[in-house]
Amino acid sequence: MHVRDNITRPAALLIVIIIAAALSMAGNVSGGDAPASLPVDIQADLDLALEAYDGGAYGEAKAAWKRGALRGNTDAMTSLANMLQRGEGGERDTALAFQWYQKAARRGDTVGQLNLGDMYRSGIGTTANRVEAMFWLTLAGRSGPGGRQGNAWAAGQARRLATSMSPALRRQIELKVERWQPTAQP
């Protein structure tokens, strides 16, 4: 029996989200301590949420991530959205998950961009929209400042979507991606 045989699909998805979030914050972490850019109370909520989630206390994790999300933390936004999308800690609410992913994506969070693009692609939590899907997946797939790695899966999905679009439409989306800037507004 391999270790990976004991990992459930939800746990594996959470691990992927945590790794992606860690990679997107890599420039802000110092010596294993809390990220310098996070106030201590937000970091405490993130730590509490992760510990509660790992312990199966989904309601407590969801509440802690919601507090962080309401304070503007994109890691908390994407974690809360993931729980809402999956129905962990309460009813499944894909429309609300979509809104939290959208807030994180607009702030420049790669995990938010990837999930928002995927929701537009599949029509989960919103009406399917290939143009918006390609836009957000392209953003998630591109490399960024400070050597940030783009997400290869997102880039691949954007390329697949592009094959069904006219060159003019692809160029229009590419220009929108080039001009895009994250916002500080939730």
N, C-alpha and C. Protein backbone atom coordinates (compact mmCIF):
# COMPACT_ATOMS: atom_id res chain seq x y z
N MET A 1 0.84 -1.17 0.00
CA MET A 1 0.00 0.00 0.00
C MET A 1 0.89 1.24 0.00
N HIS A 2 0.58 2.17 -0.89
CA HIS A 2 1.33 3.41 -0.99
C HIS A 2 0.65 4.48 -0.16
N VAL A 3 1.41 5.48 0.24
CA VAL A 3 0.85 6.59 1.00
C VAL A 3 -0.25 7.26 0.20
N ARG A 4 -0.06 7.40 -1.10
CA ARG A 4 -1.06 8.10 -1.90
C ARG A 4 -2.39 7.36 -1.93
N ASP A 5 -2.41 6.05 -1.65
CA ASP A 5 -3.65 5.29 -1.59
C ASP A 5 -4.53 5.74 -0.44
N ASN A 6 -3.93 6.33 0.58
CA ASN A 6 -4.68 6.78 1.75
C ASN A 6 -5.18 8.22 1.63
N ILE A 7 -4.83 8.90 0.56
CA ILE A 7 -5.24 10.29 0.37
C ILE A 7 -6.53 10.30 -0.42
N THR A 8 -7.56 10.93 0.15
CA THR A 8 -8.83 11.03 -0.54
C THR A 8 -8.77 12.13 -1.59
N ARG A 9 -9.69 12.12 -2.53
CA ARG A 9 -9.72 13.14 -3.56
C ARG A 9 -9.86 14.55 -2.96
N PRO A 10 -10.76 14.77 -1.95
CA PRO A 10 -10.83 16.11 -1.34
C PRO A 10 -9.51 16.54 -0.71
N ALA A 11 -8.84 15.61 -0.04
CA ALA A 11 -7.56 15.95 0.59
C ALA A 11 -6.52 16.28 -0.46
N ALA A 12 -6.53 15.54 -1.55
CA ALA A 12 -5.57 15.81 -2.62
C ALA A 12 -5.81 17.18 -3.23
N LEU A 13 -7.10 17.54 -3.43
CA LEU A 13 -7.42 18.85 -3.99
C LEU A 13 -6.97 19.96 -3.05
N LEU A 14 -7.19 19.78 -1.76
CA LEU A 14 -6.75 20.78 -0.79
C LEU A 14 -5.24 20.92 -0.81
N ILE A 15 -4.54 19.81 -0.93
CA ILE A 15 -3.07 19.85 -0.99
C ILE A 15 -2.62 20.66 -2.20
N VAL A 16 -3.28 20.46 -3.34
CA VAL A 16 -2.94 21.21 -4.55
C VAL A 16 -3.18 22.70 -4.33
N ILE A 17 -4.31 23.05 -3.71
CA ILE A 17 -4.63 24.46 -3.46
C ILE A 17 -3.60 25.07 -2.53
N ILE A 18 -3.23 24.34 -1.49
CA ILE A 18 -2.26 24.85 -0.52
C ILE A 18 -0.90 25.04 -1.19
N ILE A 19 -0.48 24.09 -2.01
CA ILE A 19 0.81 24.21 -2.69
C ILE A 19 0.78 25.40 -3.64
N ALA A 20 -0.31 25.55 -4.39
CA ALA A 20 -0.41 26.68 -5.32
C ALA A 20 -0.38 28.00 -4.56
N ALA A 21 -1.09 28.05 -3.43
CA ALA A 21 -1.09 29.28 -2.63
C ALA A 21 0.31 29.55 -2.08
N ALA A 22 0.98 28.51 -1.64
CA ALA A 22 2.34 28.69 -1.11
C ALA A 22 3.28 29.19 -2.19
N LEU A 23 3.14 28.66 -3.39
CA LEU A 23 4.00 29.12 -4.49
C LEU A 23 3.71 30.57 -4.84
N SER A 24 2.43 30.97 -4.77
CA SER A 24 2.11 32.35 -5.12
C SER A 24 2.57 33.32 -4.04
N MET A 25 2.79 32.82 -2.81
CA MET A 25 3.24 33.69 -1.72
C MET A 25 4.73 33.54 -1.46
N ALA A 26 5.41 32.73 -2.23
CA ALA A 26 6.80 32.40 -1.93
C ALA A 26 7.68 33.61 -1.68
N GLY A 27 7.44 34.68 -2.37
CA GLY A 27 8.27 35.87 -2.18
C GLY A 27 8.00 36.59 -0.88
N ASN A 28 6.87 36.29 -0.20
CA ASN A 28 6.50 37.00 1.01
C ASN A 28 6.80 36.24 2.29
N VAL A 29 7.29 35.02 2.19
CA VAL A 29 7.49 34.20 3.38
C VAL A 29 8.93 34.31 3.82
N SER A 30 9.13 34.46 5.13
CA SER A 30 10.49 34.57 5.64
C SER A 30 10.71 33.58 6.76
N GLY A 31 11.67 32.69 6.57
CA GLY A 31 12.11 31.78 7.60
C GLY A 31 11.05 30.88 8.21
N GLY A 32 9.99 30.55 7.47
CA GLY A 32 8.98 29.67 7.99
C GLY A 32 7.99 30.36 8.91
N ASP A 33 8.18 31.65 9.20
CA ASP A 33 7.23 32.38 10.02
C ASP A 33 6.03 32.77 9.19
N ALA A 34 5.08 33.44 9.80
CA ALA A 34 3.91 33.93 9.08
C ALA A 34 4.37 34.89 7.99
N PRO A 35 3.66 34.92 6.86
CA PRO A 35 4.03 35.87 5.81
C PRO A 35 4.06 37.29 6.38
N ALA A 36 5.08 38.02 6.04
CA ALA A 36 5.27 39.36 6.58
C ALA A 36 4.12 40.29 6.23
N SER A 37 3.41 40.04 5.11
CA SER A 37 2.37 40.94 4.67
C SER A 37 1.03 40.69 5.37
N LEU A 38 0.91 39.64 6.19
CA LEU A 38 -0.36 39.33 6.83
C LEU A 38 -0.36 39.79 8.28
N PRO A 39 -1.42 40.50 8.69
CA PRO A 39 -1.55 40.80 10.11
C PRO A 39 -1.64 39.49 10.89
N VAL A 40 -1.20 39.51 12.14
CA VAL A 40 -1.15 38.30 12.95
C VAL A 40 -2.53 37.66 13.08
N ASP A 41 -3.60 38.46 13.25
CA ASP A 41 -4.92 37.86 13.45
C ASP A 41 -5.41 37.12 12.21
N ILE A 42 -5.08 37.61 11.01
CA ILE A 42 -5.45 36.90 9.79
C ILE A 42 -4.65 35.61 9.70
N GLN A 43 -3.36 35.66 9.98
CA GLN A 43 -2.54 34.46 9.94
C GLN A 43 -3.05 33.45 10.96
N ALA A 44 -3.46 33.92 12.13
CA ALA A 44 -3.99 33.02 13.15
C ALA A 44 -5.25 32.33 12.65
N ASP A 45 -6.13 33.09 11.96
CA ASP A 45 -7.33 32.49 11.38
C ASP A 45 -6.99 31.46 10.31
N LEU A 46 -5.99 31.76 9.47
CA LEU A 46 -5.58 30.81 8.44
C LEU A 46 -5.03 29.53 9.06
N ASP A 47 -4.22 29.68 10.09
CA ASP A 47 -3.66 28.51 10.79
C ASP A 47 -4.77 27.70 11.46
N LEU A 48 -5.71 28.40 12.12
CA LEU A 48 -6.83 27.73 12.76
C LEU A 48 -7.68 26.99 11.74
N ALA A 49 -7.94 27.63 10.61
CA ALA A 49 -8.77 27.03 9.57
C ALA A 49 -8.13 25.75 9.04
N LEU A 50 -6.85 25.81 8.77
CA LEU A 50 -6.16 24.63 8.23
C LEU A 50 -6.14 23.49 9.25
N GLU A 51 -5.88 23.82 10.50
CA GLU A 51 -5.88 22.79 11.55
C GLU A 51 -7.28 22.19 11.71
N ALA A 52 -8.30 23.04 11.70
CA ALA A 52 -9.67 22.55 11.82
C ALA A 52 -10.04 21.68 10.63
N TYR A 53 -9.67 22.12 9.44
CA TYR A 53 -9.99 21.35 8.23
C TYR A 53 -9.31 19.98 8.28
N ASP A 54 -8.04 19.97 8.62
CA ASP A 54 -7.31 18.70 8.72
C ASP A 54 -7.92 17.77 9.76
N GLY A 55 -8.52 18.35 10.79
CA GLY A 55 -9.15 17.56 11.84
C GLY A 55 -10.60 17.19 11.54
N GLY A 56 -11.10 17.61 10.39
CA GLY A 56 -12.47 17.28 10.01
C GLY A 56 -13.52 18.21 10.58
N ALA A 57 -13.11 19.29 11.24
CA ALA A 57 -14.04 20.27 11.80
C ALA A 57 -14.34 21.32 10.72
N TYR A 58 -15.10 20.90 9.71
CA TYR A 58 -15.31 21.74 8.53
C TYR A 58 -16.06 23.03 8.83
N GLY A 59 -17.02 23.00 9.75
CA GLY A 59 -17.73 24.23 10.10
C GLY A 59 -16.80 25.28 10.69
N GLU A 60 -15.92 24.84 11.58
CA GLU A 60 -14.94 25.74 12.19
C GLU A 60 -13.95 26.27 11.15
N ALA A 61 -13.49 25.39 10.26
CA ALA A 61 -12.57 25.81 9.21
C ALA A 61 -13.22 26.83 8.29
N LYS A 62 -14.45 26.55 7.92
CA LYS A 62 -15.18 27.45 7.02
C LYS A 62 -15.36 28.83 7.67
N ALA A 63 -15.70 28.86 8.95
CA ALA A 63 -15.88 30.13 9.65
C ALA A 63 -14.57 30.92 9.72
N ALA A 64 -13.47 30.23 10.00
CA ALA A 64 -12.17 30.91 10.09
C ALA A 64 -11.74 31.43 8.72
N TRP A 65 -11.92 30.63 7.67
CA TRP A 65 -11.56 31.10 6.33
C TRP A 65 -12.46 32.25 5.90
N LYS A 66 -13.72 32.22 6.32
CA LYS A 66 -14.62 33.33 5.97
C LYS A 66 -14.15 34.63 6.62
N ARG A 67 -13.71 34.55 7.88
CA ARG A 67 -13.19 35.76 8.54
C ARG A 67 -12.00 36.33 7.76
N GLY A 68 -11.07 35.45 7.37
CA GLY A 68 -9.92 35.90 6.59
C GLY A 68 -10.33 36.44 5.23
N ALA A 69 -11.31 35.79 4.59
CA ALA A 69 -11.78 36.23 3.27
C ALA A 69 -12.42 37.61 3.38
N LEU A 70 -13.21 37.82 4.41
CA LEU A 70 -13.86 39.12 4.59
C LEU A 70 -12.85 40.23 4.86
N ARG A 71 -11.66 39.87 5.36
CA ARG A 71 -10.58 40.85 5.56
C ARG A 71 -9.73 41.02 4.32
N GLY A 72 -10.08 40.30 3.24
CA GLY A 72 -9.39 40.50 1.97
C GLY A 72 -8.26 39.53 1.67
N ASN A 73 -8.09 38.48 2.46
CA ASN A 73 -7.01 37.52 2.22
C ASN A 73 -7.42 36.54 1.12
N THR A 74 -6.65 36.50 0.04
CA THR A 74 -7.02 35.68 -1.11
C THR A 74 -6.88 34.19 -0.84
N ASP A 75 -5.94 33.78 0.01
CA ASP A 75 -5.84 32.35 0.36
C ASP A 75 -7.11 31.90 1.07
N ALA A 76 -7.61 32.74 1.96
CA ALA A 76 -8.85 32.42 2.67
C ALA A 76 -10.03 32.41 1.69
N MET A 77 -10.04 33.35 0.74
CA MET A 77 -11.12 33.39 -0.25
C MET A 77 -11.20 32.10 -1.06
N THR A 78 -10.04 31.64 -1.54
CA THR A 78 -10.04 30.43 -2.37
C THR A 78 -10.33 29.18 -1.55
N SER A 79 -9.88 29.14 -0.32
CA SER A 79 -10.17 27.98 0.53
C SER A 79 -11.66 27.93 0.88
N LEU A 80 -12.23 29.09 1.21
CA LEU A 80 -13.67 29.17 1.48
C LEU A 80 -14.46 28.76 0.23
N ALA A 81 -14.06 29.28 -0.91
CA ALA A 81 -14.75 28.94 -2.16
C ALA A 81 -14.69 27.44 -2.43
N ASN A 82 -13.55 26.83 -2.17
CA ASN A 82 -13.42 25.39 -2.38
C ASN A 82 -14.40 24.62 -1.49
N MET A 83 -14.51 25.04 -0.23
CA MET A 83 -15.44 24.36 0.67
C MET A 83 -16.88 24.55 0.21
N LEU A 84 -17.21 25.75 -0.24
CA LEU A 84 -18.57 26.01 -0.73
C LEU A 84 -18.87 25.19 -1.98
N GLN A 85 -17.90 25.11 -2.87
CA GLN A 85 -18.08 24.36 -4.11
C GLN A 85 -18.30 22.87 -3.82
N ARG A 86 -17.66 22.37 -2.80
CA ARG A 86 -17.73 20.95 -2.48
C ARG A 86 -18.83 20.62 -1.46
N GLY A 87 -19.38 21.65 -0.81
CA GLY A 87 -20.40 21.41 0.20
C GLY A 87 -19.84 20.95 1.53
N GLU A 88 -18.61 21.31 1.82
CA GLU A 88 -17.99 20.94 3.10
C GLU A 88 -18.34 21.99 4.14
N GLY A 89 -18.80 21.54 5.30
CA GLY A 89 -19.16 22.46 6.37
C GLY A 89 -20.51 23.11 6.17
N GLY A 90 -21.33 22.56 5.31
CA GLY A 90 -22.66 23.12 5.04
C GLY A 90 -23.14 22.73 3.65
N GLU A 91 -24.15 23.43 3.20
CA GLU A 91 -24.72 23.16 1.89
C GLU A 91 -23.75 23.55 0.78
N ARG A 92 -23.80 22.80 -0.30
CA ARG A 92 -23.01 23.14 -1.49
C ARG A 92 -23.62 24.39 -2.12
N ASP A 93 -22.78 25.37 -2.41
CA ASP A 93 -23.25 26.63 -3.00
C ASP A 93 -22.24 27.07 -4.06
N THR A 94 -22.43 26.58 -5.28
CA THR A 94 -21.46 26.87 -6.34
C THR A 94 -21.52 28.32 -6.78
N ALA A 95 -22.68 28.96 -6.68
CA ALA A 95 -22.77 30.37 -7.06
C ALA A 95 -21.95 31.24 -6.10
N LEU A 96 -22.02 30.95 -4.81
CA LEU A 96 -21.23 31.71 -3.83
C LEU A 96 -19.75 31.37 -3.97
N ALA A 97 -19.44 30.11 -4.26
CA ALA A 97 -18.05 29.72 -4.51
C ALA A 97 -17.50 30.53 -5.68
N PHE A 98 -18.29 30.64 -6.74
CA PHE A 98 -17.90 31.42 -7.91
C PHE A 98 -17.56 32.86 -7.51
N GLN A 99 -18.39 33.46 -6.66
CA GLN A 99 -18.17 34.85 -6.24
C GLN A 99 -16.86 34.99 -5.47
N TRP A 100 -16.55 34.05 -4.58
CA TRP A 100 -15.30 34.14 -3.82
C TRP A 100 -14.09 33.91 -4.71
N TYR A 101 -14.18 32.95 -5.64
CA TYR A 101 -13.08 32.76 -6.59
C TYR A 101 -12.89 34.03 -7.41
N GLN A 102 -13.97 34.66 -7.80
CA GLN A 102 -13.90 35.88 -8.61
C GLN A 102 -13.20 37.00 -7.84
N LYS A 103 -13.53 37.15 -6.57
CA LYS A 103 -12.87 38.19 -5.75
C LYS A 103 -11.37 37.93 -5.66
N ALA A 104 -10.99 36.68 -5.42
CA ALA A 104 -9.57 36.34 -5.32
C ALA A 104 -8.88 36.53 -6.67
N ALA A 105 -9.54 36.11 -7.74
CA ALA A 105 -8.97 36.22 -9.09
C ALA A 105 -8.71 37.68 -9.46
N ARG A 106 -9.67 38.53 -9.16
CA ARG A 106 -9.52 39.95 -9.49
C ARG A 106 -8.38 40.60 -8.72
N ARG A 107 -8.01 40.03 -7.59
CA ARG A 107 -6.88 40.53 -6.80
C ARG A 107 -5.55 39.94 -7.26
N GLY A 108 -5.61 39.06 -8.27
CA GLY A 108 -4.38 38.51 -8.84
C GLY A 108 -4.00 37.14 -8.32
N ASP A 109 -4.87 36.48 -7.59
CA ASP A 109 -4.57 35.17 -7.03
C ASP A 109 -4.68 34.09 -8.12
N THR A 110 -3.59 33.36 -8.34
CA THR A 110 -3.55 32.34 -9.38
C THR A 110 -4.56 31.23 -9.15
N VAL A 111 -4.71 30.78 -7.90
CA VAL A 111 -5.68 29.72 -7.60
C VAL A 111 -7.09 30.21 -7.91
N GLY A 112 -7.38 31.44 -7.54
CA GLY A 112 -8.69 32.02 -7.85
C GLY A 112 -8.92 32.12 -9.35
N GLN A 113 -7.89 32.57 -10.07
CA GLN A 113 -8.01 32.69 -11.53
C GLN A 113 -8.25 31.33 -12.18
N LEU A 114 -7.50 30.32 -11.75
CA LEU A 114 -7.64 28.99 -12.31
C LEU A 114 -9.05 28.45 -12.07
N ASN A 115 -9.53 28.54 -10.84
CA ASN A 115 -10.85 28.01 -10.52
C ASN A 115 -11.97 28.82 -11.15
N LEU A 116 -11.82 30.13 -11.22
CA LEU A 116 -12.81 30.96 -11.88
C LEU A 116 -12.89 30.59 -13.36
N GLY A 117 -11.74 30.47 -14.00
CA GLY A 117 -11.72 30.07 -15.41
C GLY A 117 -12.35 28.71 -15.63
N ASP A 118 -12.07 27.78 -14.72
CA ASP A 118 -12.65 26.44 -14.85
C ASP A 118 -14.16 26.47 -14.66
N MET A 119 -14.64 27.31 -13.74
CA MET A 119 -16.09 27.41 -13.54
C MET A 119 -16.76 28.03 -14.76
N TYR A 120 -16.13 29.04 -15.37
CA TYR A 120 -16.66 29.59 -16.62
C TYR A 120 -16.63 28.53 -17.72
N ARG A 121 -15.57 27.74 -17.77
CA ARG A 121 -15.43 26.72 -18.81
C ARG A 121 -16.52 25.66 -18.69
N SER A 122 -16.78 25.23 -17.46
CA SER A 122 -17.72 24.13 -17.25
C SER A 122 -19.15 24.58 -16.97
N GLY A 123 -19.34 25.87 -16.70
CA GLY A 123 -20.68 26.35 -16.39
C GLY A 123 -21.14 25.99 -14.98
N ILE A 124 -20.22 25.74 -14.09
CA ILE A 124 -20.56 25.44 -12.69
C ILE A 124 -20.56 26.74 -11.90
N GLY A 125 -21.69 27.04 -11.27
CA GLY A 125 -21.82 28.25 -10.46
C GLY A 125 -22.10 29.51 -11.26
N THR A 126 -22.09 29.39 -12.58
CA THR A 126 -22.32 30.52 -13.48
C THR A 126 -22.71 29.97 -14.84
N THR A 127 -23.03 30.85 -15.74
CA THR A 127 -23.30 30.44 -17.11
C THR A 127 -21.97 30.20 -17.81
N ALA A 128 -21.88 29.10 -18.56
CA ALA A 128 -20.64 28.81 -19.29
C ALA A 128 -20.32 29.96 -20.24
N ASN A 129 -19.03 30.32 -20.27
CA ASN A 129 -18.59 31.44 -21.11
C ASN A 129 -17.15 31.15 -21.53
N ARG A 130 -16.97 30.71 -22.78
CA ARG A 130 -15.65 30.32 -23.27
C ARG A 130 -14.67 31.49 -23.28
N VAL A 131 -15.15 32.69 -23.57
CA VAL A 131 -14.26 33.86 -23.64
C VAL A 131 -13.72 34.18 -22.24
N GLU A 132 -14.60 34.24 -21.25
CA GLU A 132 -14.16 34.51 -19.87
C GLU A 132 -13.28 33.37 -19.37
N ALA A 133 -13.65 32.14 -19.72
CA ALA A 133 -12.85 30.98 -19.31
C ALA A 133 -11.43 31.11 -19.85
N MET A 134 -11.31 31.41 -21.13
CA MET A 134 -9.97 31.53 -21.72
C MET A 134 -9.19 32.69 -21.09
N PHE A 135 -9.86 33.80 -20.83
CA PHE A 135 -9.20 34.95 -20.22
C PHE A 135 -8.61 34.57 -18.86
N TRP A 136 -9.43 34.01 -17.95
CA TRP A 136 -8.96 33.71 -16.60
C TRP A 136 -7.97 32.56 -16.59
N LEU A 137 -8.17 31.57 -17.43
CA LEU A 137 -7.22 30.45 -17.49
C LEU A 137 -5.88 30.91 -18.06
N THR A 138 -5.92 31.84 -19.02
CA THR A 138 -4.68 32.38 -19.57
C THR A 138 -3.92 33.14 -18.49
N LEU A 139 -4.63 33.96 -17.71
CA LEU A 139 -3.98 34.68 -16.61
C LEU A 139 -3.35 33.70 -15.62
N ALA A 140 -4.09 32.66 -15.25
CA ALA A 140 -3.57 31.68 -14.29
C ALA A 140 -2.38 30.93 -14.86
N GLY A 141 -2.34 30.77 -16.18
CA GLY A 141 -1.28 30.00 -16.81
C GLY A 141 -0.03 30.77 -17.14
N ARG A 142 -0.09 32.07 -17.05
CA ARG A 142 1.10 32.85 -17.41
C ARG A 142 2.01 33.05 -16.20
N SER A 143 3.29 33.14 -16.48
CA SER A 143 4.27 33.43 -15.43
C SER A 143 4.16 34.90 -15.07
N GLY A 144 4.54 35.20 -13.84
CA GLY A 144 4.38 36.58 -13.40
C GLY A 144 5.63 37.16 -12.79
N PRO A 145 5.46 38.32 -12.14
CA PRO A 145 6.60 39.01 -11.53
C PRO A 145 7.26 38.16 -10.46
N GLY A 146 8.52 38.40 -10.27
CA GLY A 146 9.27 37.69 -9.23
C GLY A 146 9.49 36.22 -9.56
N GLY A 147 9.36 35.86 -10.83
CA GLY A 147 9.58 34.48 -11.22
C GLY A 147 8.43 33.54 -10.92
N ARG A 148 7.23 34.12 -10.62
CA ARG A 148 6.06 33.29 -10.33
C ARG A 148 5.78 32.36 -11.50
N GLN A 149 5.63 31.09 -11.20
CA GLN A 149 5.34 30.08 -12.22
C GLN A 149 3.85 30.12 -12.56
N GLY A 150 3.54 30.04 -13.84
CA GLY A 150 2.15 29.91 -14.25
C GLY A 150 1.69 28.48 -14.03
N ASN A 151 0.40 28.27 -13.98
CA ASN A 151 -0.15 26.95 -13.80
C ASN A 151 -0.26 26.26 -15.15
N ALA A 152 0.42 25.15 -15.31
CA ALA A 152 0.47 24.45 -16.60
C ALA A 152 -0.89 23.91 -17.02
N TRP A 153 -1.69 23.41 -16.07
CA TRP A 153 -3.01 22.90 -16.41
C TRP A 153 -3.87 24.02 -16.97
N ALA A 154 -3.85 25.18 -16.30
CA ALA A 154 -4.65 26.32 -16.76
C ALA A 154 -4.22 26.75 -18.15
N ALA A 155 -2.91 26.82 -18.39
CA ALA A 155 -2.40 27.21 -19.71
C ALA A 155 -2.86 26.23 -20.78
N GLY A 156 -2.84 24.94 -20.46
CA GLY A 156 -3.29 23.92 -21.40
C GLY A 156 -4.77 24.05 -21.72
N GLN A 157 -5.58 24.32 -20.70
CA GLN A 157 -7.02 24.50 -20.92
C GLN A 157 -7.29 25.73 -21.78
N ALA A 158 -6.54 26.81 -21.53
CA ALA A 158 -6.70 28.03 -22.34
C ALA A 158 -6.34 27.74 -23.79
N ARG A 159 -5.27 26.99 -24.02
CA ARG A 159 -4.89 26.64 -25.39
C ARG A 159 -5.97 25.80 -26.07
N ARG A 160 -6.58 24.88 -25.34
CA ARG A 160 -7.65 24.05 -25.92
C ARG A 160 -8.85 24.92 -26.31
N LEU A 161 -9.21 25.85 -25.43
CA LEU A 161 -10.32 26.76 -25.73
C LEU A 161 -10.01 27.61 -26.96
N ALA A 162 -8.77 28.05 -27.06
CA ALA A 162 -8.37 28.93 -28.17
C ALA A 162 -8.54 28.26 -29.53
N THR A 163 -8.41 26.94 -29.58
CA THR A 163 -8.51 26.25 -30.87
C THR A 163 -9.90 26.35 -31.48
N SER A 164 -10.91 26.65 -30.66
CA SER A 164 -12.27 26.76 -31.18
C SER A 164 -12.70 28.21 -31.40
N MET A 165 -11.75 29.14 -31.31
CA MET A 165 -12.07 30.57 -31.47
C MET A 165 -11.40 31.13 -32.70
N SER A 166 -11.99 32.18 -33.21
CA SER A 166 -11.41 32.85 -34.38
C SER A 166 -10.12 33.56 -33.97
N PRO A 167 -9.21 33.77 -34.92
CA PRO A 167 -7.97 34.51 -34.59
C PRO A 167 -8.26 35.90 -34.02
N ALA A 168 -9.29 36.55 -34.52
CA ALA A 168 -9.62 37.90 -34.04
C ALA A 168 -10.06 37.85 -32.57
N LEU A 169 -10.87 36.86 -32.22
CA LEU A 169 -11.33 36.74 -30.84
C LEU A 169 -10.17 36.37 -29.92
N ARG A 170 -9.31 35.46 -30.37
CA ARG A 170 -8.13 35.10 -29.58
C ARG A 170 -7.27 36.34 -29.32
N ARG A 171 -7.07 37.14 -30.34
CA ARG A 171 -6.24 38.35 -30.19
C ARG A 171 -6.89 39.34 -29.22
N GLN A 172 -8.20 39.45 -29.28
CA GLN A 172 -8.92 40.34 -28.37
C GLN A 172 -8.70 39.90 -26.92
N ILE A 173 -8.76 38.60 -26.67
CA ILE A 173 -8.54 38.07 -25.32
C ILE A 173 -7.08 38.29 -24.91
N GLU A 174 -6.15 38.04 -25.83
CA GLU A 174 -4.73 38.25 -25.53
C GLU A 174 -4.45 39.69 -25.15
N LEU A 175 -5.07 40.64 -25.84
CA LEU A 175 -4.89 42.06 -25.51
C LEU A 175 -5.46 42.38 -24.13
N LYS A 176 -6.60 41.79 -23.82
CA LYS A 176 -7.20 42.00 -22.50
C LYS A 176 -6.28 41.45 -21.40
N VAL A 177 -5.67 40.30 -21.66
CA VAL A 177 -4.73 39.70 -20.70
C VAL A 177 -3.51 40.61 -20.52
N GLU A 178 -2.98 41.13 -21.63
CA GLU A 178 -1.80 42.00 -21.57
C GLU A 178 -2.08 43.26 -20.76
N ARG A 179 -3.28 43.80 -20.85
CA ARG A 179 -3.63 45.06 -20.16
C ARG A 179 -4.10 44.84 -18.72
N TRP A 180 -4.40 43.61 -18.38
CA TRP A 180 -5.02 43.33 -17.08
C TRP A 180 -4.10 43.68 -15.92
N GLN A 181 -4.70 44.27 -14.91
CA GLN A 181 -3.99 44.58 -13.64
C GLN A 181 -4.88 44.14 -12.48
N PRO A 182 -4.29 43.54 -11.45
CA PRO A 182 -5.10 43.16 -10.29
C PRO A 182 -5.65 44.39 -9.58
N THR A 183 -6.73 44.19 -8.89
CA THR A 183 -7.35 45.26 -8.13
C THR A 183 -7.24 44.97 -6.64
N ALA A 184 -7.21 46.00 -5.84
CA ALA A 184 -7.18 45.81 -4.39
C ALA A 184 -8.60 45.66 -3.85
N GLN A 185 -9.58 45.96 -4.67
CA GLN A 185 -10.96 45.87 -4.24
C GLN A 185 -11.45 44.43 -4.27
N PRO A 186 -12.18 44.04 -3.24
CA PRO A 186 -12.74 42.68 -3.23
C PRO A 186 -13.83 42.58 -4.22
